[in-house]
Amino acid sequence: MYRDEILPGTLYLLVLKTLARPDKMHGYEIANSMQRTSEDVLQVEEGSLYPALQRMFIKGWVTTKWGTTAGNRRARYYQLTAAGRKQSAVERSQFECVIGAITLVIEAV
C-alpha cells in the first residue's frame, strides 16, 4: 500500500474531525485513528502532530487533561471544544474550495 504524509494545509482539519468523536484521545490514538480510518494511506508524524495540537490548544480549539493510558502510561488527552467544532467547519469549507479549484485545473483540457 502507498503511504504518505498528511497533505499540507489539512492537518488541522483531519485532527479536528478525528476529535469530533465523543471520546478523549491522546496523541498516539489520534495519529493511529487517522491512519486506520484512511486505510493506512495517511500517516502523521509526531513532529507535526504534537506542535499542531499545542497550537490548537492555544487557539482554544481543544482542551487537554492528563490521564493514564491502557498501558499505564501518563498521557495528555485532547477533546474538541465548541470553538474547535466551529473551526472544523471553517477548515472543511476551505479544503473543499481548494479541492474544487484543483479539480478544475486537473480536468481542464
PDB file of N, CA and C in Angstrom:
ATOM      1  N   MET A   1       0.829  -1.193   0.000  1.00  0.00           N
ATOM      2  CA  MET A   1       0.000   0.000   0.000  1.00  0.00           C
ATOM      3  C   MET A   1       0.866   1.246   0.000  1.00  0.00           C
ATOM      4  N   TYR A   2       0.437   2.235  -0.703  1.00  0.00           N
ATOM      5  CA  TYR A   2       1.118   3.518  -0.732  1.00  0.00           C
ATOM      6  C   TYR A   2       0.753   4.298   0.519  1.00  0.00           C
ATOM      7  N   ARG A   3       1.765   4.817   1.220  1.00  0.00           N
ATOM      8  CA  ARG A   3       1.547   5.638   2.407  1.00  0.00           C
ATOM      9  C   ARG A   3       2.260   6.959   2.204  1.00  0.00           C
ATOM     10  N   ASP A   4       1.641   8.005   2.693  1.00  0.00           N
ATOM     11  CA  ASP A   4       2.258   9.306   2.534  1.00  0.00           C
ATOM     12  C   ASP A   4       1.962  10.175   3.744  1.00  0.00           C
ATOM     13  N   GLU A   5       2.672  11.261   3.833  1.00  0.00           N
ATOM     14  CA  GLU A   5       2.455  12.242   4.881  1.00  0.00           C
ATOM     15  C   GLU A   5       1.102  12.921   4.645  1.00  0.00           C
ATOM     16  N   ILE A   6       0.610  13.558   5.681  1.00  0.00           N
ATOM     17  CA  ILE A   6      -0.605  14.343   5.570  1.00  0.00           C
ATOM     18  C   ILE A   6      -0.340  15.507   4.619  1.00  0.00           C
ATOM     19  N   LEU A   7      -1.277  15.813   3.741  1.00  0.00           N
ATOM     20  CA  LEU A   7      -1.109  16.907   2.801  1.00  0.00           C
ATOM     21  C   LEU A   7      -1.005  18.238   3.534  1.00  0.00           C
ATOM     22  N   PRO A   8      -0.131  19.126   3.094  1.00  0.00           N
ATOM     23  CA  PRO A   8      -0.027  20.440   3.731  1.00  0.00           C
ATOM     24  C   PRO A   8      -1.379  21.144   3.743  1.00  0.00           C
ATOM     25  N   GLY A   9      -1.687  21.779   4.839  1.00  0.00           N
ATOM     26  CA  GLY A   9      -2.941  22.508   4.967  1.00  0.00           C
ATOM     27  C   GLY A   9      -4.131  21.683   5.419  1.00  0.00           C
ATOM     28  N   THR A  10      -3.926  20.373   5.616  1.00  0.00           N
ATOM     29  CA  THR A  10      -5.064  19.540   6.003  1.00  0.00           C
ATOM     30  C   THR A  10      -4.957  18.982   7.423  1.00  0.00           C
ATOM     31  N   LEU A  11      -3.838  19.196   8.086  1.00  0.00           N
ATOM     32  CA  LEU A  11      -3.646  18.580   9.395  1.00  0.00           C
ATOM     33  C   LEU A  11      -4.689  19.043  10.405  1.00  0.00           C
ATOM     34  N   TYR A  12      -4.943  20.350  10.490  1.00  0.00           N
ATOM     35  CA  TYR A  12      -5.962  20.831  11.427  1.00  0.00           C
ATOM     36  C   TYR A  12      -7.304  20.172  11.144  1.00  0.00           C
ATOM     37  N   LEU A  13      -7.701  20.154   9.884  1.00  0.00           N
ATOM     38  CA  LEU A  13      -8.994  19.561   9.517  1.00  0.00           C
ATOM     39  C   LEU A  13      -9.064  18.103   9.953  1.00  0.00           C
ATOM     40  N   LEU A  14      -8.045  17.335   9.652  1.00  0.00           N
ATOM     41  CA  LEU A  14      -8.063  15.914   9.970  1.00  0.00           C
ATOM     42  C   LEU A  14      -8.064  15.659  11.476  1.00  0.00           C
ATOM     43  N   VAL A  15      -7.293  16.440  12.219  1.00  0.00           N
ATOM     44  CA  VAL A  15      -7.272  16.281  13.674  1.00  0.00           C
ATOM     45  C   VAL A  15      -8.622  16.696  14.270  1.00  0.00           C
ATOM     46  N   LEU A  16      -9.158  17.821  13.821  1.00  0.00           N
ATOM     47  CA  LEU A  16     -10.455  18.281  14.347  1.00  0.00           C
ATOM     48  C   LEU A  16     -11.548  17.257  14.066  1.00  0.00           C
ATOM     49  N   LYS A  17     -11.564  16.697  12.868  1.00  0.00           N
ATOM     50  CA  LYS A  17     -12.583  15.686  12.538  1.00  0.00           C
ATOM     51  C   LYS A  17     -12.372  14.420  13.365  1.00  0.00           C
ATOM     52  N   THR A  18     -11.133  14.047  13.599  1.00  0.00           N
ATOM     53  CA  THR A  18     -10.849  12.869  14.417  1.00  0.00           C
ATOM     54  C   THR A  18     -11.321  13.094  15.854  1.00  0.00           C
ATOM     55  N   LEU A  19     -11.107  14.300  16.367  1.00  0.00           N
ATOM     56  CA  LEU A  19     -11.513  14.604  17.740  1.00  0.00           C
ATOM     57  C   LEU A  19     -13.007  14.894  17.873  1.00  0.00           C
ATOM     58  N   ALA A  20     -13.740  14.900  16.769  1.00  0.00           N
ATOM     59  CA  ALA A  20     -15.188  15.138  16.832  1.00  0.00           C
ATOM     60  C   ALA A  20     -15.920  13.977  17.503  1.00  0.00           C
ATOM     61  N   ARG A  21     -15.237  12.857  17.648  1.00  0.00           N
ATOM     62  CA  ARG A  21     -15.835  11.722  18.360  1.00  0.00           C
ATOM     63  C   ARG A  21     -15.958  12.090  19.830  1.00  0.00           C
ATOM     64  N   PRO A  22     -16.885  11.481  20.541  1.00  0.00           N
ATOM     65  CA  PRO A  22     -17.115  11.885  21.940  1.00  0.00           C
ATOM     66  C   PRO A  22     -15.985  11.528  22.902  1.00  0.00           C
ATOM     67  N   ASP A  23     -15.138  10.582  22.553  1.00  0.00           N
ATOM     68  CA  ASP A  23     -14.072  10.156  23.461  1.00  0.00           C
ATOM     69  C   ASP A  23     -12.887  11.108  23.424  1.00  0.00           C
ATOM     70  N   LYS A  24     -12.241  11.280  24.571  1.00  0.00           N
ATOM     71  CA  LYS A  24     -10.969  11.993  24.617  1.00  0.00           C
ATOM     72  C   LYS A  24      -9.916  11.050  24.047  1.00  0.00           C
ATOM     73  N   MET A  25      -8.913  11.623  23.381  1.00  0.00           N
ATOM     74  CA  MET A  25      -7.853  10.808  22.787  1.00  0.00           C
ATOM     75  C   MET A  25      -6.503  11.437  23.080  1.00  0.00           C
ATOM     76  N   HIS A  26      -5.486  10.602  23.261  1.00  0.00           N
ATOM     77  CA  HIS A  26      -4.132  11.130  23.367  1.00  0.00           C
ATOM     78  C   HIS A  26      -3.511  11.115  21.971  1.00  0.00           C
ATOM     79  N   GLY A  27      -2.347  11.742  21.844  1.00  0.00           N
ATOM     80  CA  GLY A  27      -1.736  11.937  20.535  1.00  0.00           C
ATOM     81  C   GLY A  27      -1.559  10.667  19.717  1.00  0.00           C
ATOM     82  N   TYR A  28      -1.064   9.620  20.349  1.00  0.00           N
ATOM     83  CA  TYR A  28      -0.862   8.374  19.615  1.00  0.00           C
ATOM     84  C   TYR A  28      -2.196   7.837  19.089  1.00  0.00           C
ATOM     85  N   GLU A  29      -3.260   7.942  19.898  1.00  0.00           N
ATOM     86  CA  GLU A  29      -4.580   7.472  19.459  1.00  0.00           C
ATOM     87  C   GLU A  29      -5.100   8.301  18.284  1.00  0.00           C
ATOM     88  N   ILE A  30      -4.833   9.595  18.326  1.00  0.00           N
ATOM     89  CA  ILE A  30      -5.263  10.465  17.223  1.00  0.00           C
ATOM     90  C   ILE A  30      -4.557  10.037  15.934  1.00  0.00           C
ATOM     91  N   ALA A  31      -3.236   9.908  15.986  1.00  0.00           N
ATOM     92  CA  ALA A  31      -2.470   9.511  14.803  1.00  0.00           C
ATOM     93  C   ALA A  31      -2.883   8.129  14.306  1.00  0.00           C
ATOM     94  N   ASN A  32      -3.055   7.210  15.221  1.00  0.00           N
ATOM     95  CA  ASN A  32      -3.444   5.848  14.870  1.00  0.00           C
ATOM     96  C   ASN A  32      -4.837   5.821  14.240  1.00  0.00           C
ATOM     97  N   SER A  33      -5.758   6.585  14.789  1.00  0.00           N
ATOM     98  CA  SER A  33      -7.116   6.640  14.255  1.00  0.00           C
ATOM     99  C   SER A  33      -7.127   7.194  12.830  1.00  0.00           C
ATOM    100  N   MET A  34      -6.345   8.237  12.602  1.00  0.00           N
ATOM    101  CA  MET A  34      -6.275   8.809  11.262  1.00  0.00           C
ATOM    102  C   MET A  34      -5.690   7.805  10.273  1.00  0.00           C
ATOM    103  N   GLN A  35      -4.684   7.079  10.694  1.00  0.00           N
ATOM    104  CA  GLN A  35      -4.068   6.078   9.820  1.00  0.00           C
ATOM    105  C   GLN A  35      -5.048   4.944   9.519  1.00  0.00           C
ATOM    106  N   ARG A  36      -5.714   4.444  10.560  1.00  0.00           N
ATOM    107  CA  ARG A  36      -6.691   3.348  10.360  1.00  0.00           C
ATOM    108  C   ARG A  36      -7.858   3.795   9.485  1.00  0.00           C
ATOM    109  N   THR A  37      -8.399   4.973   9.764  1.00  0.00           N
ATOM    110  CA  THR A  37      -9.552   5.469   9.018  1.00  0.00           C
ATOM    111  C   THR A  37      -9.214   5.656   7.545  1.00  0.00           C
ATOM    112  N   SER A  38      -7.975   6.052   7.268  1.00  0.00           N
ATOM    113  CA  SER A  38      -7.552   6.259   5.877  1.00  0.00           C
ATOM    114  C   SER A  38      -7.064   4.963   5.231  1.00  0.00           C
ATOM    115  N   GLU A  39      -7.275   3.850   5.905  1.00  0.00           N
ATOM    116  CA  GLU A  39      -6.839   2.536   5.420  1.00  0.00           C
ATOM    117  C   GLU A  39      -5.333   2.523   5.155  1.00  0.00           C
ATOM    118  N   ASP A  40      -4.597   3.075   6.114  1.00  0.00           N
ATOM    119  CA  ASP A  40      -3.135   3.096   6.115  1.00  0.00           C
ATOM    120  C   ASP A  40      -2.503   3.939   5.008  1.00  0.00           C
ATOM    121  N   VAL A  41      -3.265   4.847   4.415  1.00  0.00           N
ATOM    122  CA  VAL A  41      -2.693   5.723   3.397  1.00  0.00           C
ATOM    123  C   VAL A  41      -2.049   6.945   4.049  1.00  0.00           C
ATOM    124  N   LEU A  42      -2.720   7.529   5.032  1.00  0.00           N
ATOM    125  CA  LEU A  42      -2.215   8.733   5.679  1.00  0.00           C
ATOM    126  C   LEU A  42      -1.532   8.397   6.992  1.00  0.00           C
ATOM    127  N   GLN A  43      -0.407   9.055   7.212  1.00  0.00           N
ATOM    128  CA  GLN A  43       0.263   8.913   8.497  1.00  0.00           C
ATOM    129  C   GLN A  43       0.727  10.295   8.925  1.00  0.00           C
ATOM    130  N   VAL A  44       0.622  10.561  10.194  1.00  0.00           N
ATOM    131  CA  VAL A  44       1.064  11.846  10.721  1.00  0.00           C
ATOM    132  C   VAL A  44       2.221  11.586  11.676  1.00  0.00           C
ATOM    133  N   GLU A  45       3.274  12.330  11.498  1.00  0.00           N
ATOM    134  CA  GLU A  45       4.465  12.170  12.315  1.00  0.00           C
ATOM    135  C   GLU A  45       4.314  12.951  13.614  1.00  0.00           C
ATOM    136  N   GLU A  46       4.940  12.446  14.669  1.00  0.00           N
ATOM    137  CA  GLU A  46       4.894  13.121  15.973  1.00  0.00           C
ATOM    138  C   GLU A  46       5.373  14.558  15.869  1.00  0.00           C
ATOM    139  N   GLY A  47       6.391  14.788  15.064  1.00  0.00           N
ATOM    140  CA  GLY A  47       6.963  16.116  14.912  1.00  0.00           C
ATOM    141  C   GLY A  47       6.018  17.119  14.284  1.00  0.00           C
ATOM    142  N   SER A  48       4.969  16.636  13.646  1.00  0.00           N
ATOM    143  CA  SER A  48       3.936  17.507  13.093  1.00  0.00           C
ATOM    144  C   SER A  48       2.712  17.550  13.997  1.00  0.00           C
ATOM    145  N   LEU A  49       2.333  16.395  14.528  1.00  0.00           N
ATOM    146  CA  LEU A  49       1.097  16.301  15.303  1.00  0.00           C
ATOM    147  C   LEU A  49       1.147  17.089  16.609  1.00  0.00           C
ATOM    148  N   TYR A  50       2.167  16.875  17.406  1.00  0.00           N
ATOM    149  CA  TYR A  50       2.183  17.499  18.738  1.00  0.00           C
ATOM    150  C   TYR A  50       2.302  19.023  18.688  1.00  0.00           C
ATOM    151  N   PRO A  51       3.105  19.583  17.797  1.00  0.00           N
ATOM    152  CA  PRO A  51       3.086  21.050  17.684  1.00  0.00           C
ATOM    153  C   PRO A  51       1.722  21.577  17.212  1.00  0.00           C
ATOM    154  N   ALA A  52       1.074  20.845  16.302  1.00  0.00           N
ATOM    155  CA  ALA A  52      -0.251  21.258  15.838  1.00  0.00           C
ATOM    156  C   ALA A  52      -1.257  21.198  16.981  1.00  0.00           C
ATOM    157  N   LEU A  53      -1.207  20.145  17.776  1.00  0.00           N
ATOM    158  CA  LEU A  53      -2.107  20.050  18.929  1.00  0.00           C
ATOM    159  C   LEU A  53      -1.875  21.186  19.916  1.00  0.00           C
ATOM    160  N   GLN A  54      -0.614  21.554  20.112  1.00  0.00           N
ATOM    161  CA  GLN A  54      -0.303  22.671  21.005  1.00  0.00           C
ATOM    162  C   GLN A  54      -0.879  23.979  20.461  1.00  0.00           C
ATOM    163  N   ARG A  55      -0.726  24.204  19.165  1.00  0.00           N
ATOM    164  CA  ARG A  55      -1.297  25.414  18.553  1.00  0.00           C
ATOM    165  C   ARG A  55      -2.817  25.410  18.664  1.00  0.00           C
ATOM    166  N   MET A  56      -3.431  24.246  18.484  1.00  0.00           N
ATOM    167  CA  MET A  56      -4.887  24.133  18.583  1.00  0.00           C
ATOM    168  C   MET A  56      -5.344  24.403  20.016  1.00  0.00           C
ATOM    169  N   PHE A  57      -4.565  23.978  20.991  1.00  0.00           N
ATOM    170  CA  PHE A  57      -4.865  24.247  22.392  1.00  0.00           C
ATOM    171  C   PHE A  57      -4.795  25.751  22.663  1.00  0.00           C
ATOM    172  N   ILE A  58      -3.748  26.396  22.185  1.00  0.00           N
ATOM    173  CA  ILE A  58      -3.588  27.838  22.377  1.00  0.00           C
ATOM    174  C   ILE A  58      -4.737  28.617  21.730  1.00  0.00           C
ATOM    175  N   LYS A  59      -5.205  28.143  20.582  1.00  0.00           N
ATOM    176  CA  LYS A  59      -6.318  28.801  19.885  1.00  0.00           C
ATOM    177  C   LYS A  59      -7.668  28.513  20.539  1.00  0.00           C
ATOM    178  N   GLY A  60      -7.694  27.574  21.488  1.00  0.00           N
ATOM    179  CA  GLY A  60      -8.937  27.235  22.165  1.00  0.00           C
ATOM    180  C   GLY A  60      -9.799  26.221  21.433  1.00  0.00           C
ATOM    181  N   TRP A  61      -9.214  25.524  20.474  1.00  0.00           N
ATOM    182  CA  TRP A  61      -9.962  24.536  19.700  1.00  0.00           C
ATOM    183  C   TRP A  61     -10.053  23.193  20.407  1.00  0.00           C
ATOM    184  N   VAL A  62      -9.124  22.931  21.313  1.00  0.00           N
ATOM    185  CA  VAL A  62      -9.122  21.686  22.086  1.00  0.00           C
ATOM    186  C   VAL A  62      -8.819  22.002  23.548  1.00  0.00           C
ATOM    187  N   THR A  63      -9.254  21.119  24.409  1.00  0.00           N
ATOM    188  CA  THR A  63      -8.861  21.167  25.812  1.00  0.00           C
ATOM    189  C   THR A  63      -7.957  19.968  26.052  1.00  0.00           C
ATOM    190  N   THR A  64      -7.181  20.041  27.110  1.00  0.00           N
ATOM    191  CA  THR A  64      -6.294  18.920  27.437  1.00  0.00           C
ATOM    192  C   THR A  64      -6.458  18.552  28.904  1.00  0.00           C
ATOM    193  N   LYS A  65      -6.199  17.299  29.156  1.00  0.00           N
ATOM    194  CA  LYS A  65      -6.239  16.793  30.529  1.00  0.00           C
ATOM    195  C   LYS A  65      -5.285  15.611  30.605  1.00  0.00           C
ATOM    196  N   TRP A  66      -4.481  15.573  31.672  1.00  0.00           N
ATOM    197  CA  TRP A  66      -3.570  14.454  31.846  1.00  0.00           C
ATOM    198  C   TRP A  66      -4.342  13.236  32.344  1.00  0.00           C
ATOM    199  N   GLY A  67      -3.957  12.091  31.835  1.00  0.00           N
ATOM    200  CA  GLY A  67      -4.571  10.845  32.246  1.00  0.00           C
ATOM    201  C   GLY A  67      -3.600   9.699  32.076  1.00  0.00           C
ATOM    202  N   THR A  68      -4.116   8.493  32.246  1.00  0.00           N
ATOM    203  CA  THR A  68      -3.304   7.282  32.140  1.00  0.00           C
ATOM    204  C   THR A  68      -3.835   6.421  31.004  1.00  0.00           C
ATOM    205  N   THR A  69      -2.943   5.933  30.170  1.00  0.00           N
ATOM    206  CA  THR A  69      -3.329   5.091  29.043  1.00  0.00           C
ATOM    207  C   THR A  69      -3.654   3.677  29.526  1.00  0.00           C
ATOM    208  N   ALA A  70      -4.158   2.864  28.611  1.00  0.00           N
ATOM    209  CA  ALA A  70      -4.445   1.466  28.921  1.00  0.00           C
ATOM    210  C   ALA A  70      -3.166   0.736  29.330  1.00  0.00           C
ATOM    211  N   GLY A  71      -2.020   1.192  28.830  1.00  0.00           N
ATOM    212  CA  GLY A  71      -0.726   0.587  29.172  1.00  0.00           C
ATOM    213  C   GLY A  71      -0.105   1.205  30.415  1.00  0.00           C
ATOM    214  N   ASN A  72      -0.907   1.945  31.163  1.00  0.00           N
ATOM    215  CA  ASN A  72      -0.488   2.552  32.428  1.00  0.00           C
ATOM    216  C   ASN A  72       0.616   3.613  32.242  1.00  0.00           C
ATOM    217  N   ARG A  73       0.537   4.344  31.140  1.00  0.00           N
ATOM    218  CA  ARG A  73       1.478   5.438  30.885  1.00  0.00           C
ATOM    219  C   ARG A  73       0.741   6.762  31.005  1.00  0.00           C
ATOM    220  N   ARG A  74       1.441   7.768  31.439  1.00  0.00           N
ATOM    221  CA  ARG A  74       0.866   9.097  31.556  1.00  0.00           C
ATOM    222  C   ARG A  74       0.787   9.716  30.156  1.00  0.00           C
ATOM    223  N   ALA A  75      -0.368  10.319  29.828  1.00  0.00           N
ATOM    224  CA  ALA A  75      -0.546  10.930  28.505  1.00  0.00           C
ATOM    225  C   ALA A  75      -1.491  12.115  28.615  1.00  0.00           C
ATOM    226  N   ARG A  76      -1.315  13.039  27.708  1.00  0.00           N
ATOM    227  CA  ARG A  76      -2.208  14.194  27.629  1.00  0.00           C
ATOM    228  C   ARG A  76      -3.348  13.830  26.677  1.00  0.00           C
ATOM    229  N   TYR A  77      -4.567  13.944  27.170  1.00  0.00           N
ATOM    230  CA  TYR A  77      -5.756  13.636  26.382  1.00  0.00           C
ATOM    231  C   TYR A  77      -6.361  14.929  25.848  1.00  0.00           C
ATOM    232  N   TYR A  78      -6.831  14.879  24.606  1.00  0.00           N
ATOM    233  CA  TYR A  78      -7.376  16.050  23.922  1.00  0.00           C
ATOM    234  C   TYR A  78      -8.855  15.841  23.654  1.00  0.00           C
ATOM    235  N   GLN A  79      -9.595  16.959  23.749  1.00  0.00           N
ATOM    236  CA  GLN A  79     -11.022  16.918  23.452  1.00  0.00           C
ATOM    237  C   GLN A  79     -11.399  18.204  22.739  1.00  0.00           C
ATOM    238  N   LEU A  80     -12.275  18.095  21.774  1.00  0.00           N
ATOM    239  CA  LEU A  80     -12.714  19.223  20.976  1.00  0.00           C
ATOM    240  C   LEU A  80     -13.575  20.175  21.805  1.00  0.00           C
ATOM    241  N   THR A  81     -13.407  21.473  21.589  1.00  0.00           N
ATOM    242  CA  THR A  81     -14.246  22.486  22.241  1.00  0.00           C
ATOM    243  C   THR A  81     -15.297  22.967  21.240  1.00  0.00           C
ATOM    244  N   ALA A  82     -16.204  23.819  21.694  1.00  0.00           N
ATOM    245  CA  ALA A  82     -17.199  24.415  20.789  1.00  0.00           C
ATOM    246  C   ALA A  82     -16.490  25.226  19.707  1.00  0.00           C
ATOM    247  N   ALA A  83     -15.437  25.960  20.092  1.00  0.00           N
ATOM    248  CA  ALA A  83     -14.665  26.730  19.113  1.00  0.00           C
ATOM    249  C   ALA A  83     -13.994  25.794  18.108  1.00  0.00           C
ATOM    250  N   GLY A  84     -13.561  24.642  18.558  1.00  0.00           N
ATOM    251  CA  GLY A  84     -12.950  23.652  17.676  1.00  0.00           C
ATOM    252  C   GLY A  84     -13.946  23.087  16.680  1.00  0.00           C
ATOM    253  N   ARG A  85     -15.187  22.879  17.131  1.00  0.00           N
ATOM    254  CA  ARG A  85     -16.221  22.392  16.213  1.00  0.00           C
ATOM    255  C   ARG A  85     -16.504  23.436  15.132  1.00  0.00           C
ATOM    256  N   LYS A  86     -16.546  24.712  15.523  1.00  0.00           N
ATOM    257  CA  LYS A  86     -16.757  25.785  14.543  1.00  0.00           C
ATOM    258  C   LYS A  86     -15.586  25.851  13.569  1.00  0.00           C
ATOM    259  N   GLN A  87     -14.379  25.730  14.089  1.00  0.00           N
ATOM    260  CA  GLN A  87     -13.195  25.783  13.234  1.00  0.00           C
ATOM    261  C   GLN A  87     -13.149  24.600  12.280  1.00  0.00           C
ATOM    262  N   SER A  88     -13.646  23.464  12.711  1.00  0.00           N
ATOM    263  CA  SER A  88     -13.697  22.289  11.854  1.00  0.00           C
ATOM    264  C   SER A  88     -14.517  22.588  10.601  1.00  0.00           C
ATOM    265  N   ALA A  89     -15.634  23.286  10.776  1.00  0.00           N
ATOM    266  CA  ALA A  89     -16.475  23.656   9.631  1.00  0.00           C
ATOM    267  C   ALA A  89     -15.735  24.633   8.711  1.00  0.00           C
ATOM    268  N   VAL A  90     -15.000  25.571   9.294  1.00  0.00           N
ATOM    269  CA  VAL A  90     -14.215  26.532   8.507  1.00  0.00           C
ATOM    270  C   VAL A  90     -13.135  25.791   7.718  1.00  0.00           C
ATOM    271  N   GLU A  91     -12.412  24.900   8.393  1.00  0.00           N
ATOM    272  CA  GLU A  91     -11.340  24.145   7.737  1.00  0.00           C
ATOM    273  C   GLU A  91     -11.893  23.296   6.597  1.00  0.00           C
ATOM    274  N   ARG A  92     -13.044  22.679   6.825  1.00  0.00           N
ATOM    275  CA  ARG A  92     -13.642  21.836   5.779  1.00  0.00           C
ATOM    276  C   ARG A  92     -14.053  22.672   4.580  1.00  0.00           C
ATOM    277  N   SER A  93     -14.638  23.829   4.835  1.00  0.00           N
ATOM    278  CA  SER A  93     -15.048  24.715   3.747  1.00  0.00           C
ATOM    279  C   SER A  93     -13.845  25.152   2.919  1.00  0.00           C
ATOM    280  N   GLN A  94     -12.762  25.519   3.581  1.00  0.00           N
ATOM    281  CA  GLN A  94     -11.544  25.927   2.876  1.00  0.00           C
ATOM    282  C   GLN A  94     -10.971  24.765   2.074  1.00  0.00           C
ATOM    283  N   PHE A  95     -10.982  23.576   2.674  1.00  0.00           N
ATOM    284  CA  PHE A  95     -10.478  22.383   1.994  1.00  0.00           C
ATOM    285  C   PHE A  95     -11.289  22.102   0.735  1.00  0.00           C
ATOM    286  N   GLU A  96     -12.613  22.165   0.840  1.00  0.00           N
ATOM    287  CA  GLU A  96     -13.477  21.888  -0.308  1.00  0.00           C
ATOM    288  C   GLU A  96     -13.271  22.918  -1.416  1.00  0.00           C
ATOM    289  N   CYS A  97     -13.004  24.164  -1.033  1.00  0.00           N
ATOM    290  CA  CYS A  97     -12.718  25.208  -2.022  1.00  0.00           C
ATOM    291  C   CYS A  97     -11.438  24.884  -2.783  1.00  0.00           C
ATOM    292  N   VAL A  98     -10.402  24.498  -2.067  1.00  0.00           N
ATOM    293  CA  VAL A  98      -9.119  24.160  -2.699  1.00  0.00           C
ATOM    294  C   VAL A  98      -9.261  22.918  -3.579  1.00  0.00           C
ATOM    295  N   ILE A  99      -9.940  21.901  -3.064  1.00  0.00           N
ATOM    296  CA  ILE A  99     -10.140  20.680  -3.865  1.00  0.00           C
ATOM    297  C   ILE A  99     -10.924  20.985  -5.128  1.00  0.00           C
ATOM    298  N   GLY A 100     -11.921  21.839  -5.021  1.00  0.00           N
ATOM    299  CA  GLY A 100     -12.698  22.244  -6.202  1.00  0.00           C
ATOM    300  C   GLY A 100     -11.818  22.933  -7.231  1.00  0.00           C
ATOM    301  N   ALA A 101     -10.947  23.818  -6.769  1.00  0.00           N
ATOM    302  CA  ALA A 101     -10.049  24.524  -7.677  1.00  0.00           C
ATOM    303  C   ALA A 101      -9.049  23.566  -8.332  1.00  0.00           C
ATOM    304  N   ILE A 102      -8.522  22.645  -7.553  1.00  0.00           N
ATOM    305  CA  ILE A 102      -7.584  21.648  -8.090  1.00  0.00           C
ATOM    306  C   ILE A 102      -8.281  20.785  -9.117  1.00  0.00           C
ATOM    307  N   THR A 103      -9.509  20.384  -8.850  1.00  0.00           N
ATOM    308  CA  THR A 103     -10.281  19.580  -9.788  1.00  0.00           C
ATOM    309  C   THR A 103     -10.488  20.319 -11.108  1.00  0.00           C
ATOM    310  N   LEU A 104     -10.781  21.610 -11.025  1.00  0.00           N
ATOM    311  CA  LEU A 104     -10.948  22.408 -12.263  1.00  0.00           C
ATOM    312  C   LEU A 104      -9.678  22.382 -13.096  1.00  0.00           C
ATOM    313  N   VAL A 105      -8.533  22.519 -12.449  1.00  0.00           N
ATOM    314  CA  VAL A 105      -7.261  22.524 -13.170  1.00  0.00           C
ATOM    315  C   VAL A 105      -6.969  21.150 -13.764  1.00  0.00           C
ATOM    316  N   ILE A 106      -7.197  20.104 -12.983  1.00  0.00           N
ATOM    317  CA  ILE A 106      -6.919  18.741 -13.463  1.00  0.00           C
ATOM    318  C   ILE A 106      -7.800  18.367 -14.649  1.00  0.00           C
ATOM    319  N   GLU A 107      -9.052  18.790 -14.597  1.00  0.00           N
ATOM    320  CA  GLU A 107      -9.996  18.393 -15.631  1.00  0.00           C
ATOM    321  C   GLU A 107     -10.003  19.331 -16.829  1.00  0.00           C
ATOM    322  N   ALA A 108      -9.254  20.428 -16.766  1.00  0.00           N
ATOM    323  CA  ALA A 108      -9.191  21.354 -17.884  1.00  0.00           C
ATOM    324  C   ALA A 108      -8.494  20.693 -19.075  1.00  0.00           C
ATOM    325  N   VAL A 109      -8.974  21.001 -20.234  1.00  0.00           N
ATOM    326  CA  VAL A 109      -8.409  20.402 -21.447  1.00  0.00           C
ATOM    327  C   VAL A 109      -7.314  21.268 -22.004  1.00  0.00           C
TER     328      VAL A 109
END
